Amino acid sequence: MASITIALDWAANPNHSGLLLAQARGYFAAEGVEARILPAERDRSVVDLVRAGAADFAYAFAGTVIDQRAKGVPLVSVAAVGQRHHSSLVALKASGITRPADLAGRRYASFGHPALERAVISAMMAHDGATDPMFDLRVTRFASVAGLQAGEYDFLWVYDAIEGMEARAAGIELVSFAPGDYGIPNYNAPVIFAADALLTDASRADAARRALAALRRGYAEAVADPDGTAGEIVSAGASLGGWLFTDPRATELSLRDLSREWRNDVASWGIHRLEDWRGFARFLWQHNALGEIPEPDCASYFTNALLG
C-alpha cells in the first residue's frame, strides 16, 4: 500500500476536519493509501518538513507558497481547502482599538511571515486612513487570544472559524477587521501543499491523487453534517497530540461556521483559481513583500491536476 505523510500547521482543529474524518472512517485505506498525520512542531515549520522529505503534504495558506516560491523553494499547492480567506485581524474590545488605523504603534503577534504580514496589515491601515501605518511586529507563531488577554501583544491575525469562535464560546469580546474589507485581494486559506518533485514521480503523484480523493470525501461529509461528525473529528484530533479546543461549545461553533463557509464549494473542493493567486501575489510584490524578483505569474504555484 502506498503511503502519504501529511503535516498539520497547528494543533488539530476544524480546519483539518476533512482530513481527520477521512482517517477515522477509513477513506484513505479505501483509496489504497496509508495516511500518516504529523502533529505541528514548535521547532520545525511545515515548510521545513516538506523540504526535508519528512512530509509529502502540509497545511498552510496561499501566502506560504507564494513567499517560498519567491525565495526559490519549489513548493506547489495541490488543494485549496478554503476558497476564501475566512480570517481577520482581532484585538480585545477593551483595548480601545476600533479600526485598523488604531493599530499604529501597537504590538502584533506574527505567525512567521513577517514581510507578508507587514505588507497586508500596513495596507489595511493605510486604506483606513492611517498616515503612518507602522506597528511593532513580534514573531510568535502559535499566538492565541489568551495571549491578548495576558497582555503579551495587542492584536493578531486569526481564522474567524477557529480563534474567533473559540473567543465567542468563552464570551471574550473582540473587534475584528477582515482583510477583504480593507482592499486586500482574496487568497486561498487553508491550502495543502507539496514539493514540486512529488508531481514528477508517477507513483508518488498517483498516491497523492488518491489521498486527495479521500480528503475530498472527508471534507464533503464534515461540511454536510458538522454536528454528527464532531465526535469522530475530535477523537481523531485528540490522538494527534491534542484537539485545539477544550470547550465543546467552541468545537460546535467552529464546525458549524466552516460548514456555512465551505458548503457552496463542496463540488469544486480543492480547485485553485489563477486570478486569486495572481491577485494576491501581485499585491505582495507591489508592496515589496517578495524581495527583488520579477512580478510572479503564479501559474506554476498550484496544480489542479491531482483533483480529478
Foldseek 3Di string as FASTA:
>chain_A
DAEFEEEEQAQQALLCQLVLQLVLVVLLVVLVYHYHYAYHDPVDGPLRCQVVVVGFKYKDWLVVLLQVVLVVAFKAFAFQQAQWQQKWKKFFPVVVDAALLVQVAWEEAAQPQVLLVLLLSLLLNVLVPNPDSDYHYDHDNPDAVVCNVVVVTGIYMGRCLARVLLCVVVVGHMHTDDSVVRPAFTTGPITMMHGPVLCVDVVSLSSVLSSVVSSLVSSQVLLVCVPVCLVSSQVSSCVNVHYPDPDVSSNSSSSPVVSVNCVVCSVVGGDDDQVRSLRNQQSSVVSCSSDPDPRDSCPSRYDNVSHD
